Amino acid sequence: MSPTVIPSTPVIADIGASSLPWLATTVYDRPFIQSPAHHLRKTQPRPLIQNLARDNRLSCLICSAGKKTRSLHLRQRLPVQHIFHRLGSIAAFHHGFKKAKIVIAAVLVIVQVSVTLPSSIWSTLFVSYANAVLYSPDAKVPRTGELALRRAIPANANMKAIQDSLEEISYLLRIPQRKPYGTMEGDAKKALQIAMEQKESILFSIPEELKEKGTTLFASLIDGKGGLQNLLECIKENDPDKVSIGLSSSLETVAELELLQAPGLSFLLPEQYLTYPRLTGRGVVEFIIERGDGSTFFPSAGGEPKSFATIQVVLDGFSAPLTAGNFAKLVNEGAYDGVRLKCTDQAVLSDNELENYGYSVPLEVKPSGEFEPLYKTTLSIQDGELPTLPLSVYGAVAMAHNADSLEFSSPSQFFFYLYDKRTAGLGGLSFDEGQFSVFGYTTVGKDILGQIKSGDFIHSAKLVQGLDRLVLPQEDKPHQTSTKKK
């Protein structure tokens, strides 16, 4: 066996006595060929007078107390030990100094880059929620037509506060495992407190002719079977199914009260659009869809397959009065009876874009949180603008673009949007969000939309609710932007 060579400038780390046997058999790449314990064990102390050799023998006593290790050092150290100990200290200091240099260098690089880069670059690297809502997974947008329609009602501020508290419970209810029932209870109590303290203000906002109905609904909201008191009891039972049912009932009552508080538009239309048809509230259109090839529809809720199916759409004149008004007028005149449908991957369109009737209404989009709609302009979703009536809902109903100008909607062609989150941004928003005039949502028969095929047709379309909210224009219509059905 070749003799062991020890480098002239060794570097030693602290070695516990209990680990010496293991270290003795370990081969080190640098700076030792063999471990320092191997050489320490082979070093013999020189004889010392007065039995000092016994007191200064090489040993390391390890004491453990409360998971702490204490080393009992000798009063005096052998020369070899003293050298290795000092070398170990130097090595530790050198190692720490190298780490410090790396950290300082990294800090200097970051500071230098931050000074040289323009602010526009940093704004793209660190994008806030408001500046990139299309790509944010936390974007809170309505996922159902019912929720979007409820939020679009221009109601009393106190009712909106109650609605916000209840909708917060619906978000908390989506947590898959440990649901925060304590937070839910706090939100329910807050909604109940607002309702009790602001009763007079809430009922005062209801027109006199609807006051009796409003009083009945308010009593149901407080103490009814699906009221806030019942919701509190369901939350205390920690039963998510009961909470979901009670919450849905309470929100429906809230929406009914809000509709009573909003008998008309909360804003004035621009003067140049006063000659257009307009819907000053809500309306309901019922479609009867019939198969073009004689096959049948299969309702998901059960029932017998039939060659026709019923679809109901709620029109929202609060957010899109011109678009909804033009559509309601066409439906009331029977313009869509017998119209064929054609399908794409994401939409079911009415096949009547070449017909010369209806009004070419300007593009109409109401931003969320704003008082009135914008006309002839789209929204910048990437800059944080969200519409009150989002397109990113399965069953959303919107007008197609005008063939001549993107600033106007088609006079009559509409489509059902078949939203699919797999083709949307990370925030769950369609890449076409804010580009079309959405004016309503499918509330009945959403399961039928996916079964419609090209060649199926609208057997009939009727305005079953909202005719009293439809305001028809005078005879002096603007010829440059509208045409009449021949």
Protein backbone atom coordinates (compact mmCIF):
# COMPACT_ATOMS: atom_id res chain seq x y z
CA MET A 1 0.00 0.00 0.00
CA SER A 2 1.36 3.41 -0.95
CA PRO A 3 1.96 5.87 1.86
CA THR A 4 -0.62 8.51 2.57
CA VAL A 5 0.30 12.02 1.51
CA ILE A 6 -1.05 14.96 3.49
CA PRO A 7 -1.25 18.34 1.69
CA SER A 8 0.69 21.18 3.19
CA THR A 9 -2.35 23.45 3.54
CA PRO A 10 -5.22 21.28 4.69
CA VAL A 11 -8.75 22.53 5.37
CA ILE A 12 -10.70 20.80 8.12
CA ALA A 13 -14.36 21.02 9.09
CA ASP A 14 -15.59 20.34 12.65
CA ILE A 15 -15.77 16.60 13.30
CA GLY A 16 -17.78 15.01 16.08
CA ALA A 17 -16.31 12.14 17.97
CA SER A 18 -19.24 9.92 17.17
CA SER A 19 -18.57 10.33 13.45
CA LEU A 20 -14.84 9.55 13.56
CA PRO A 21 -15.14 5.86 12.61
CA TRP A 22 -17.17 6.72 9.55
CA LEU A 23 -14.91 9.57 8.50
CA ALA A 24 -11.87 7.35 8.87
CA THR A 25 -13.02 5.21 5.95
CA THR A 26 -14.22 8.08 3.76
CA VAL A 27 -12.14 9.24 0.83
CA TYR A 28 -12.10 13.02 0.33
CA ASP A 29 -11.49 14.59 -3.07
CA ARG A 30 -10.12 17.78 -1.61
CA PRO A 31 -8.02 18.82 0.13
CA PHE A 32 -7.34 15.41 1.82
CA ILE A 33 -6.89 12.02 0.27
CA GLN A 34 -7.97 10.56 3.58
CA SER A 35 -9.94 12.08 6.40
CA PRO A 36 -8.19 14.16 9.10
CA ALA A 37 -9.54 11.76 11.73
CA HIS A 38 -7.39 9.05 10.22
CA HIS A 39 -4.22 11.04 10.81
CA LEU A 40 -5.26 12.29 14.23
CA ARG A 41 -5.85 8.74 15.36
CA LYS A 42 -2.38 7.72 14.22
CA THR A 43 -0.60 10.63 15.89
CA GLN A 44 1.08 9.70 19.19
CA PRO A 45 1.66 12.38 21.85
CA ARG A 46 5.18 12.97 23.12
CA PRO A 47 5.88 12.03 26.78
CA LEU A 48 5.23 14.84 29.20
CA ILE A 49 6.47 15.11 32.71
CA GLN A 50 4.31 14.92 35.84
CA ASN A 51 1.76 12.68 34.08
CA LEU A 52 0.48 15.55 31.93
CA ALA A 53 0.24 13.09 29.08
CA ARG A 54 -2.68 11.43 30.85
CA ASP A 55 -4.47 14.76 31.27
CA ASN A 56 -3.75 15.94 27.74
CA ARG A 57 -4.64 12.77 25.91
CA LEU A 58 -6.63 13.14 22.61
CA SER A 59 -10.30 12.69 23.49
CA CYS A 60 -13.64 14.33 22.83
CA LEU A 61 -16.47 13.89 25.26
CA ILE A 62 -19.94 14.47 23.83
CA CYS A 63 -22.81 15.27 26.21
CA SER A 64 -26.42 15.46 25.04
CA ALA A 65 -29.12 17.31 26.99
CA GLY A 66 -32.41 18.49 25.48
CA LYS A 67 -31.26 17.70 21.92
CA LYS A 68 -28.23 19.99 22.36
CA THR A 69 -24.64 18.72 22.04
CA ARG A 70 -21.91 20.17 24.20
CA SER A 71 -18.24 19.41 23.64
CA LEU A 72 -15.92 19.29 26.63
CA HIS A 73 -12.66 20.70 25.37
CA LEU A 74 -9.37 19.90 27.02
CA ARG A 75 -7.55 22.51 29.06
CA GLN A 76 -4.57 22.09 26.86
CA ARG A 77 -4.32 20.92 23.29
CA LEU A 78 -1.72 18.95 21.50
CA PRO A 79 0.18 20.86 18.85
CA VAL A 80 -1.40 18.86 16.01
CA GLN A 81 -4.89 19.47 17.34
CA HIS A 82 -4.21 23.16 17.74
CA ILE A 83 -3.08 23.45 14.14
CA PHE A 84 -6.11 21.58 12.74
CA HIS A 85 -8.53 23.61 14.85
CA ARG A 86 -7.14 26.90 13.59
CA LEU A 87 -7.12 25.66 10.02
CA GLY A 88 -10.80 24.67 10.37
CA SER A 89 -11.69 28.14 11.60
CA ILE A 90 -9.89 29.72 8.67
CA ALA A 91 -11.72 27.42 6.24
CA ALA A 92 -15.13 28.30 7.71
CA PHE A 93 -14.34 32.01 7.47
CA HIS A 94 -13.16 31.61 3.88
CA HIS A 95 -16.34 29.69 2.94
CA GLY A 96 -18.58 32.35 4.50
CA PHE A 97 -16.67 35.12 2.78
CA LYS A 98 -17.18 33.46 -0.62
CA LYS A 99 -20.95 33.23 0.01
CA ALA A 100 -21.06 36.89 1.01
CA LYS A 101 -19.32 37.88 -2.22
CA ILE A 102 -21.92 35.97 -4.26
CA VAL A 103 -24.83 37.65 -2.47
CA ILE A 104 -23.31 41.12 -2.87
CA ALA A 105 -22.70 40.50 -6.57
CA ALA A 106 -26.32 39.40 -7.10
CA VAL A 107 -27.64 42.51 -5.34
CA LEU A 108 -25.43 44.77 -7.46
CA VAL A 109 -26.65 43.10 -10.67
CA ILE A 110 -30.31 43.57 -9.69
CA VAL A 111 -29.74 47.23 -8.80
CA GLN A 112 -27.92 47.88 -12.06
CA VAL A 113 -30.61 46.19 -14.16
CA SER A 114 -33.42 48.03 -12.35
CA VAL A 115 -31.76 51.37 -13.11
CA THR A 116 -31.10 50.70 -16.79
CA LEU A 117 -34.44 49.06 -17.71
CA PRO A 118 -37.31 51.43 -18.61
CA SER A 119 -40.43 51.38 -16.47
CA SER A 120 -42.46 49.86 -19.30
CA ILE A 121 -40.36 46.70 -19.12
CA TRP A 122 -40.95 46.35 -15.40
CA SER A 123 -44.68 46.83 -15.90
CA THR A 124 -44.71 43.82 -18.21
CA LEU A 125 -42.61 41.71 -15.85
CA PHE A 126 -44.76 42.45 -12.79
CA VAL A 127 -48.31 42.76 -14.15
CA SER A 128 -51.03 43.53 -11.64
CA TYR A 129 -54.45 41.86 -11.58
CA ALA A 130 -56.11 44.97 -12.99
CA ASN A 131 -53.72 45.11 -15.96
CA ALA A 132 -53.96 41.49 -17.07
CA VAL A 133 -57.34 40.18 -16.07
CA LEU A 134 -57.57 38.07 -19.22
CA TYR A 135 -54.64 35.95 -18.02
CA SER A 136 -55.38 36.00 -14.31
CA PRO A 137 -56.73 32.76 -12.79
CA ASP A 138 -58.30 34.84 -10.01
CA ALA A 139 -60.52 36.95 -12.26
CA LYS A 140 -63.93 37.11 -10.57
CA VAL A 141 -66.36 37.20 -13.47
CA PRO A 142 -69.89 35.78 -13.53
CA ARG A 143 -69.85 32.12 -14.57
CA THR A 144 -73.60 31.77 -15.07
CA GLY A 145 -76.20 33.84 -16.85
CA GLU A 146 -78.27 34.10 -13.68
CA LEU A 147 -75.37 35.63 -11.77
CA ALA A 148 -74.54 38.08 -14.56
CA LEU A 149 -78.17 39.17 -14.85
CA ARG A 150 -78.46 39.64 -11.09
CA ARG A 151 -75.36 41.82 -10.97
CA ALA A 152 -76.63 43.93 -13.86
CA ILE A 153 -79.72 45.17 -11.99
CA PRO A 154 -79.40 48.87 -11.04
CA ALA A 155 -80.82 48.54 -7.53
CA ASN A 156 -80.66 50.17 -4.10
CA ALA A 157 -77.15 50.34 -2.59
CA ASN A 158 -78.28 48.47 0.52
CA MET A 159 -79.63 45.61 -1.56
CA LYS A 160 -76.34 45.49 -3.46
CA ALA A 161 -74.47 45.21 -0.15
CA ILE A 162 -76.69 42.28 0.86
CA GLN A 163 -76.11 40.67 -2.52
CA ASP A 164 -72.33 41.09 -2.28
CA SER A 165 -72.25 39.39 1.15
CA LEU A 166 -74.29 36.45 -0.12
CA GLU A 167 -72.22 36.08 -3.27
CA GLU A 168 -69.08 35.97 -1.12
CA ILE A 169 -70.58 32.91 0.57
CA SER A 170 -71.03 31.29 -2.83
CA TYR A 171 -67.30 31.74 -3.52
CA LEU A 172 -66.36 30.29 -0.13
CA LEU A 173 -68.67 27.36 -0.75
CA ARG A 174 -66.50 26.31 -3.71
CA ILE A 175 -63.55 25.50 -1.45
CA PRO A 176 -63.27 21.71 -1.84
CA GLN A 177 -62.27 20.50 1.64
CA ARG A 178 -62.21 22.56 4.84
CA LYS A 179 -64.92 25.09 4.13
CA PRO A 180 -64.71 28.30 6.21
CA TYR A 181 -68.15 28.09 7.81
CA GLY A 182 -67.16 30.72 10.37
CA THR A 183 -66.53 33.27 7.62
CA MET A 184 -69.76 32.24 5.88
CA GLU A 185 -71.69 32.79 9.09
CA GLY A 186 -70.17 36.25 9.41
CA ASP A 187 -71.23 37.15 5.86
CA ALA A 188 -74.77 35.88 6.45
CA LYS A 189 -75.05 37.86 9.69
CA LYS A 190 -73.80 40.96 7.91
CA ALA A 191 -76.46 40.58 5.20
CA LEU A 192 -79.17 40.04 7.82
CA GLN A 193 -78.03 43.07 9.81
CA ILE A 194 -78.15 45.32 6.73
CA ALA A 195 -81.63 44.06 5.86
CA MET A 196 -82.96 44.68 9.36
CA GLU A 197 -81.38 48.11 9.82
CA GLN A 198 -82.16 49.41 6.32
CA LYS A 199 -85.70 48.07 5.94
CA GLU A 200 -87.26 51.49 5.43
CA SER A 201 -84.66 52.52 2.85
CA ILE A 202 -85.10 49.28 0.91
CA LEU A 203 -88.90 49.48 0.78
CA PHE A 204 -88.85 53.22 0.05
CA SER A 205 -87.02 52.52 -3.24
CA ILE A 206 -89.93 50.40 -4.51
CA PRO A 207 -92.67 52.23 -6.49
CA GLU A 208 -95.97 52.67 -4.67
CA GLU A 209 -97.90 50.33 -6.97
CA LEU A 210 -95.38 47.55 -6.22
CA LYS A 211 -95.00 48.27 -2.50
CA GLU A 212 -97.25 45.44 -1.34
CA LYS A 213 -95.39 42.85 -3.39
CA GLY A 214 -92.09 44.27 -2.17
CA THR A 215 -93.14 44.06 1.48
CA THR A 216 -94.07 40.40 1.04
CA LEU A 217 -90.75 39.62 -0.62
CA PHE A 218 -88.82 41.44 2.11
CA ALA A 219 -90.55 39.42 4.84
CA SER A 220 -89.69 36.25 2.92
CA LEU A 221 -86.05 37.36 2.70
CA ILE A 222 -85.83 37.69 6.49
CA ASP A 223 -87.94 34.86 7.91
CA GLY A 224 -89.04 32.82 4.90
CA LYS A 225 -88.20 29.21 4.22
CA GLY A 226 -85.38 30.32 1.94
CA GLY A 227 -84.54 33.48 3.88
CA LEU A 228 -81.47 34.70 5.70
CA GLN A 229 -82.47 33.24 9.08
CA ASN A 230 -82.79 29.81 7.51
CA LEU A 231 -79.46 30.28 5.72
CA LEU A 232 -77.76 30.97 9.06
CA GLU A 233 -79.13 27.74 10.51
CA CYS A 234 -77.87 25.77 7.51
CA ILE A 235 -74.39 27.26 7.90
CA LYS A 236 -74.30 26.36 11.60
CA GLU A 237 -75.07 22.73 10.66
CA ASN A 238 -71.97 22.69 8.40
CA ASP A 239 -74.00 21.06 5.63
CA PRO A 240 -72.80 22.35 2.23
CA ASP A 241 -75.84 21.02 0.35
CA LYS A 242 -78.28 22.80 2.63
CA VAL A 243 -76.19 25.96 2.49
CA SER A 244 -76.19 25.87 -1.32
CA ILE A 245 -79.98 25.48 -1.49
CA GLY A 246 -80.63 28.19 1.09
CA LEU A 247 -78.16 30.56 -0.55
CA SER A 248 -79.74 30.10 -3.98
CA SER A 249 -83.19 30.84 -2.56
CA SER A 250 -81.99 33.98 -0.76
CA LEU A 251 -80.26 35.30 -3.87
CA GLU A 252 -83.39 34.76 -5.96
CA THR A 253 -85.42 36.79 -3.47
CA VAL A 254 -82.78 39.52 -3.49
CA ALA A 255 -82.94 39.67 -7.31
CA GLU A 256 -86.74 39.97 -7.26
CA LEU A 257 -86.56 42.86 -4.80
CA GLU A 258 -83.89 44.57 -6.89
CA LEU A 259 -86.05 44.30 -10.02
CA LEU A 260 -88.89 46.01 -8.16
CA GLN A 261 -86.50 48.83 -7.24
CA ALA A 262 -85.43 49.34 -10.88
CA PRO A 263 -88.56 50.05 -12.93
CA GLY A 264 -86.64 51.77 -15.77
CA LEU A 265 -83.25 52.87 -17.06
CA SER A 266 -80.95 54.54 -14.57
CA PHE A 267 -79.34 56.73 -17.25
CA LEU A 268 -80.35 58.88 -20.22
CA LEU A 269 -79.67 57.63 -23.71
CA PRO A 270 -77.60 59.84 -26.03
CA GLU A 271 -79.88 62.10 -28.04
CA GLN A 272 -78.84 60.62 -31.39
CA TYR A 273 -80.15 57.20 -30.30
CA LEU A 274 -83.59 58.24 -29.07
CA THR A 275 -85.15 57.20 -32.39
CA TYR A 276 -84.10 53.55 -31.93
CA PRO A 277 -86.26 50.85 -30.32
CA ARG A 278 -85.21 50.32 -26.70
CA LEU A 279 -85.98 47.95 -23.87
CA THR A 280 -86.13 49.75 -20.51
CA GLY A 281 -85.91 46.67 -18.31
CA ARG A 282 -86.06 42.91 -18.62
CA GLY A 283 -87.78 40.75 -21.22
CA VAL A 284 -88.10 37.03 -21.88
CA VAL A 285 -88.08 35.41 -25.33
CA GLU A 286 -89.18 31.81 -25.85
CA PHE A 287 -87.76 29.92 -28.83
CA ILE A 288 -89.15 26.67 -30.22
CA ILE A 289 -86.28 24.94 -32.03
CA GLU A 290 -87.12 22.17 -34.50
CA ARG A 291 -84.91 19.57 -36.11
CA GLY A 292 -84.26 20.03 -39.80
CA ASP A 293 -83.67 16.33 -40.47
CA GLY A 294 -86.53 14.92 -38.38
CA SER A 295 -84.27 13.59 -35.59
CA THR A 296 -84.90 14.27 -31.90
CA PHE A 297 -83.52 16.33 -29.02
CA PHE A 298 -82.60 14.59 -25.77
CA PRO A 299 -83.28 16.73 -22.67
CA SER A 300 -80.59 16.19 -20.02
CA ALA A 301 -83.15 16.51 -17.21
CA GLY A 302 -85.08 13.52 -18.47
CA GLY A 303 -88.28 13.31 -20.43
CA GLU A 304 -89.12 11.88 -23.81
CA PRO A 305 -86.98 12.72 -26.85
CA LYS A 306 -88.78 15.13 -29.16
CA SER A 307 -88.21 16.67 -32.55
CA PHE A 308 -88.47 20.15 -31.04
CA ALA A 309 -87.12 21.83 -27.92
CA THR A 310 -87.81 25.00 -25.92
CA ILE A 311 -85.20 27.63 -25.12
CA GLN A 312 -85.81 30.74 -23.03
CA VAL A 313 -83.61 33.83 -23.15
CA VAL A 314 -83.72 36.74 -20.68
CA LEU A 315 -83.07 40.09 -22.38
CA ASP A 316 -81.32 42.77 -20.32
CA GLY A 317 -82.35 46.28 -21.27
CA PHE A 318 -80.61 47.72 -18.21
CA SER A 319 -77.18 47.14 -19.77
CA ALA A 320 -77.95 47.01 -23.52
CA PRO A 321 -81.23 48.92 -24.09
CA LEU A 322 -80.76 49.54 -27.83
CA THR A 323 -79.56 46.04 -28.74
CA ALA A 324 -82.18 44.31 -26.59
CA GLY A 325 -84.88 46.70 -27.85
CA ASN A 326 -84.10 46.02 -31.51
CA PHE A 327 -84.10 42.26 -30.88
CA ALA A 328 -87.37 42.35 -28.91
CA LYS A 329 -89.01 44.35 -31.69
CA LEU A 330 -87.91 41.83 -34.33
CA VAL A 331 -89.15 38.92 -32.21
CA ASN A 332 -92.49 40.64 -31.66
CA GLU A 333 -92.86 41.10 -35.42
CA GLY A 334 -92.14 37.41 -36.12
CA ALA A 335 -88.89 38.14 -37.93
CA TYR A 336 -87.18 34.98 -36.65
CA ASP A 337 -89.96 32.49 -37.30
CA GLY A 338 -88.64 29.86 -39.71
CA VAL A 339 -85.05 31.16 -39.68
CA ARG A 340 -82.42 28.45 -40.14
CA LEU A 341 -79.55 27.97 -37.72
CA LYS A 342 -75.92 27.20 -38.50
CA CYS A 343 -73.26 26.01 -36.09
CA THR A 344 -69.58 26.65 -35.51
CA ASP A 345 -67.32 25.29 -32.79
CA GLN A 346 -68.24 28.11 -30.41
CA ALA A 347 -71.59 29.48 -31.55
CA VAL A 348 -75.04 28.79 -32.95
CA LEU A 349 -75.93 31.57 -35.39
CA SER A 350 -79.16 32.63 -37.03
CA ASP A 351 -78.73 32.29 -40.79
CA ASN A 352 -80.32 35.60 -41.77
CA GLU A 353 -77.42 38.01 -42.17
CA LEU A 354 -78.45 38.86 -45.75
CA GLU A 355 -82.00 39.88 -44.89
CA ASN A 356 -82.69 43.60 -45.15
CA TYR A 357 -84.62 44.37 -41.97
CA GLY A 358 -84.01 45.59 -38.45
CA TYR A 359 -81.87 48.45 -37.15
CA SER A 360 -78.11 48.56 -37.48
CA VAL A 361 -77.58 49.37 -33.81
CA PRO A 362 -74.18 50.75 -32.77
CA LEU A 363 -71.93 48.40 -30.84
CA GLU A 364 -73.19 48.65 -27.25
CA VAL A 365 -71.09 47.45 -24.30
CA LYS A 366 -71.54 48.53 -20.68
CA PRO A 367 -68.31 48.28 -18.62
CA SER A 368 -68.64 46.71 -15.20
CA GLY A 369 -69.03 49.37 -12.52
CA GLU A 370 -69.89 52.12 -15.00
CA PHE A 371 -73.14 54.04 -15.06
CA GLU A 372 -74.04 53.71 -18.75
CA PRO A 373 -73.02 51.78 -21.88
CA LEU A 374 -70.30 52.75 -24.32
CA TYR A 375 -71.16 52.98 -28.01
CA LYS A 376 -69.13 52.18 -31.12
CA THR A 377 -66.18 50.97 -29.07
CA THR A 378 -64.88 47.71 -27.66
CA LEU A 379 -63.35 47.01 -24.25
CA SER A 380 -59.67 46.35 -23.57
CA ILE A 381 -59.83 43.25 -21.40
CA GLN A 382 -56.05 43.12 -20.97
CA ASP A 383 -56.19 46.58 -19.38
CA GLY A 384 -58.68 45.37 -16.79
CA GLU A 385 -61.95 46.41 -18.46
CA LEU A 386 -64.77 43.92 -17.93
CA PRO A 387 -68.30 44.10 -19.36
CA THR A 388 -71.36 43.99 -17.15
CA LEU A 389 -72.72 41.26 -19.44
CA PRO A 390 -69.71 39.04 -20.23
CA LEU A 391 -69.57 36.88 -23.32
CA SER A 392 -67.66 34.21 -21.38
CA VAL A 393 -70.81 32.44 -20.18
CA TYR A 394 -72.30 29.36 -21.81
CA GLY A 395 -75.54 30.43 -23.48
CA ALA A 396 -74.75 34.15 -23.76
CA VAL A 397 -76.75 35.81 -26.55
CA ALA A 398 -75.16 38.55 -28.66
CA MET A 399 -75.53 40.26 -32.00
CA ALA A 400 -73.07 39.52 -34.80
CA HIS A 401 -70.98 42.33 -36.25
CA ASN A 402 -72.23 44.45 -39.10
CA ALA A 403 -70.77 43.35 -42.42
CA ASP A 404 -69.84 46.93 -43.33
CA SER A 405 -68.52 48.33 -40.03
CA LEU A 406 -67.27 46.83 -36.77
CA GLU A 407 -68.66 49.87 -34.96
CA PHE A 408 -72.18 48.55 -35.57
CA SER A 409 -73.95 45.28 -34.85
CA SER A 410 -75.80 43.30 -37.47
CA PRO A 411 -79.41 44.47 -37.92
CA SER A 412 -80.79 40.98 -37.25
CA GLN A 413 -78.19 38.19 -37.05
CA PHE A 414 -77.61 36.96 -33.49
CA PHE A 415 -75.85 33.98 -31.95
CA PHE A 416 -75.80 31.76 -28.88
CA TYR A 417 -72.25 31.61 -27.54
CA LEU A 418 -71.03 28.13 -26.55
CA TYR A 419 -68.37 29.11 -24.05
CA ASP A 420 -65.61 26.56 -23.47
CA LYS A 421 -62.95 27.27 -20.84
CA ARG A 422 -60.49 25.10 -22.77
CA THR A 423 -60.32 27.77 -25.48
CA ALA A 424 -60.26 30.72 -23.04
CA GLY A 425 -57.47 32.60 -21.28
CA LEU A 426 -56.15 31.63 -17.85
CA GLY A 427 -58.63 34.02 -16.25
CA GLY A 428 -61.47 32.08 -17.86
CA LEU A 429 -62.32 34.89 -20.26
CA SER A 430 -62.98 34.40 -23.95
CA PHE A 431 -60.49 36.03 -26.28
CA ASP A 432 -63.52 37.71 -27.92
CA GLU A 433 -64.60 39.24 -24.61
CA GLY A 434 -65.71 42.86 -24.92
CA GLN A 435 -65.93 42.71 -28.73
CA PHE A 436 -69.67 41.99 -29.17
CA SER A 437 -72.96 43.46 -27.95
CA VAL A 438 -74.20 40.89 -25.43
CA PHE A 439 -77.83 41.53 -24.51
CA GLY A 440 -79.06 38.42 -22.70
CA TYR A 441 -78.53 34.85 -21.50
CA THR A 442 -80.12 31.47 -22.01
CA THR A 443 -81.82 30.49 -18.74
CA VAL A 444 -83.92 27.51 -19.90
CA GLY A 445 -82.74 24.85 -22.35
CA LYS A 446 -78.99 25.38 -22.13
CA ASP A 447 -78.55 21.63 -22.55
CA ILE A 448 -80.24 21.91 -25.95
CA LEU A 449 -77.73 24.39 -27.36
CA GLY A 450 -74.99 21.79 -27.70
CA GLN A 451 -77.36 19.47 -29.59
CA ILE A 452 -78.34 21.98 -32.28
CA LYS A 453 -76.98 21.16 -35.73
CA SER A 454 -76.67 23.21 -38.88
CA GLY A 455 -79.99 22.99 -40.70
CA ASP A 456 -82.17 23.08 -37.58
CA PHE A 457 -84.48 26.07 -37.51
CA ILE A 458 -86.46 28.38 -35.25
CA HIS A 459 -90.06 27.23 -35.47
CA SER A 460 -91.22 30.26 -33.52
CA ALA A 461 -89.89 33.05 -31.29
CA LYS A 462 -92.21 34.96 -28.92
CA LEU A 463 -91.73 37.81 -26.48
CA VAL A 464 -93.50 36.27 -23.47
CA GLN A 465 -92.44 38.97 -20.96
CA GLY A 466 -91.33 42.58 -21.25
CA LEU A 467 -93.62 43.93 -23.97
CA ASP A 468 -94.58 46.74 -21.58
CA ARG A 469 -90.89 47.71 -21.34
CA LEU A 470 -90.43 47.92 -25.12
CA VAL A 471 -90.37 51.53 -26.35
CA LEU A 472 -90.90 51.81 -30.10
CA PRO A 473 -89.46 54.74 -32.07
CA GLN A 474 -91.28 57.47 -33.95
CA GLU A 475 -91.63 57.31 -37.72
CA ASP A 476 -88.67 59.65 -38.39
CA LYS A 477 -85.95 57.00 -38.27
CA PRO A 478 -82.31 57.63 -39.23
CA HIS A 479 -82.09 56.12 -42.73
CA GLN A 480 -78.30 56.01 -42.71
CA THR A 481 -78.11 53.42 -39.89
CA SER A 482 -81.36 51.48 -40.12
CA THR A 483 -83.65 49.72 -42.53
CA LYS A 484 -87.15 48.31 -42.26
CA LYS A 485 -88.34 44.83 -43.01
CA LYS A 486 -89.83 44.72 -46.45
